[in-house]
Amino acid sequence: MLAADLGGGLATGFLLLLYLLGRLEVWPLYLVSALTGALSSLHWPALSAMLEKRDYARASGMMSLAASLAGVGAPILEAPGPRGNFRPGPPGGRGCRL
């Protein structure tokens, strides 16, 4: 489970690096999406190996709660602040006001 999380974090860091260098293209997005999808498929087997059978329902509920909170929290964090929502764009590029 730790390896899956670490791999997903490294893949996301790779995308951040490409973005900061101004070299982000479409193909790395597909690659990282496939990699994180494959790595996330390892979570439930790893988690179920650590749990007793009676705790499966509770663990599944907690994972569902975490996913739901992320789905609710992400738009809240993206909400425009007092100066509006401004995305700077890649380095050297022009930003855009949403």
Protein backbone atom coordinates (compact mmCIF):
# COMPACT_ATOMS: atom_id res chain seq x y z
CA MET A 1 0.00 0.00 0.00
CA LEU A 2 2.87 2.35 0.77
CA ALA A 3 4.47 1.57 -2.60
CA ALA A 4 1.21 2.40 -4.40
CA ASP A 5 0.92 5.75 -2.61
CA LEU A 6 4.57 6.55 -3.17
CA GLY A 7 4.32 5.69 -6.88
CA GLY A 8 1.23 7.86 -7.28
CA GLY A 9 2.93 10.76 -5.51
CA LEU A 10 6.03 10.47 -7.68
CA ALA A 11 3.92 10.37 -10.84
CA THR A 12 2.04 13.49 -9.75
CA GLY A 13 5.34 15.18 -8.92
CA PHE A 14 6.53 14.33 -12.43
CA LEU A 15 3.49 16.14 -13.86
CA LEU A 16 4.19 19.14 -11.63
CA LEU A 17 7.78 19.25 -12.82
CA LEU A 18 6.71 19.14 -16.47
CA TYR A 19 4.19 21.91 -15.81
CA LEU A 20 6.74 24.14 -14.08
CA LEU A 21 9.21 23.62 -16.93
CA GLY A 22 6.50 24.52 -19.45
CA ARG A 23 6.76 21.14 -21.17
CA LEU A 24 3.50 19.54 -20.12
CA GLU A 25 1.84 17.73 -23.03
CA VAL A 26 -1.06 15.32 -23.33
CA TRP A 27 0.86 12.03 -23.43
CA PRO A 28 2.29 12.32 -19.87
CA LEU A 29 -1.25 12.86 -18.58
CA TYR A 30 -2.34 9.56 -20.14
CA LEU A 31 0.75 7.80 -18.84
CA VAL A 32 0.37 9.08 -15.28
CA SER A 33 -3.37 8.37 -15.32
CA ALA A 34 -2.75 4.76 -16.34
CA LEU A 35 0.02 4.38 -13.77
CA THR A 36 -1.98 5.80 -10.87
CA GLY A 37 -4.99 3.71 -11.90
CA ALA A 38 -2.90 0.56 -11.86
CA LEU A 39 -1.32 1.48 -8.53
CA SER A 40 -4.65 2.36 -6.94
CA SER A 41 -5.93 -1.12 -7.80
CA LEU A 42 -3.40 -2.43 -5.24
CA HIS A 43 -4.99 -0.56 -2.33
CA TRP A 44 -7.90 -2.85 -1.51
CA PRO A 45 -5.92 -6.13 -1.70
CA ALA A 46 -3.20 -4.65 0.51
CA LEU A 47 -5.74 -3.26 2.95
CA SER A 48 -7.73 -6.48 3.12
CA ALA A 49 -4.54 -8.42 3.86
CA MET A 50 -3.99 -6.26 6.95
CA LEU A 51 -7.59 -6.41 8.23
CA GLU A 52 -9.66 -9.08 9.83
CA LYS A 53 -12.75 -10.12 7.89
CA ARG A 54 -15.11 -8.44 10.38
CA ASP A 55 -13.51 -5.03 9.68
CA TYR A 56 -14.01 -5.06 5.88
CA ALA A 57 -17.31 -3.16 5.92
CA ARG A 58 -15.96 -0.46 8.22
CA ALA A 59 -12.78 -0.04 6.13
CA SER A 60 -14.79 0.14 2.92
CA GLY A 61 -17.04 2.78 4.46
CA MET A 62 -14.07 4.83 5.61
CA MET A 63 -12.48 4.68 2.14
CA SER A 64 -15.79 5.76 0.60
CA LEU A 65 -16.03 8.64 3.09
CA ALA A 66 -12.51 9.78 2.22
CA ALA A 67 -13.32 9.76 -1.50
CA SER A 68 -16.55 11.67 -0.91
CA LEU A 69 -14.82 14.27 1.26
CA ALA A 70 -12.23 14.78 -1.46
CA GLY A 71 -15.02 15.24 -3.99
CA VAL A 72 -16.67 17.88 -1.80
CA GLY A 73 -13.48 19.53 -0.56
CA ALA A 74 -11.77 20.02 -3.93
CA PRO A 75 -14.37 22.47 -5.31
CA ILE A 76 -14.37 24.36 -2.02
CA LEU A 77 -10.60 24.79 -2.19
CA GLU A 78 -10.88 25.84 -5.84
CA ALA A 79 -13.57 28.45 -5.09
CA PRO A 80 -12.58 31.99 -6.03
CA GLY A 81 -11.12 34.14 -3.31
CA PRO A 82 -11.74 37.85 -2.75
CA ARG A 83 -9.75 38.82 -5.88
CA GLY A 84 -11.42 36.28 -8.15
CA ASN A 85 -10.06 33.08 -9.54
CA PHE A 86 -6.84 33.63 -11.46
CA ARG A 87 -4.74 30.85 -12.92
CA PRO A 88 -1.19 31.95 -13.71
CA GLY A 89 -0.61 29.49 -16.56
CA PRO A 90 2.78 28.00 -17.43
CA PRO A 91 5.97 29.98 -16.78
CA GLY A 92 6.47 32.63 -19.42
CA GLY A 93 2.87 32.31 -20.57
CA ARG A 94 -0.16 34.47 -20.00
CA GLY A 95 -2.62 33.64 -17.27
CA CYS A 96 -6.37 33.67 -17.62
CA ARG A 97 -9.16 34.96 -15.44
CA LEU A 98 -11.95 32.45 -14.99
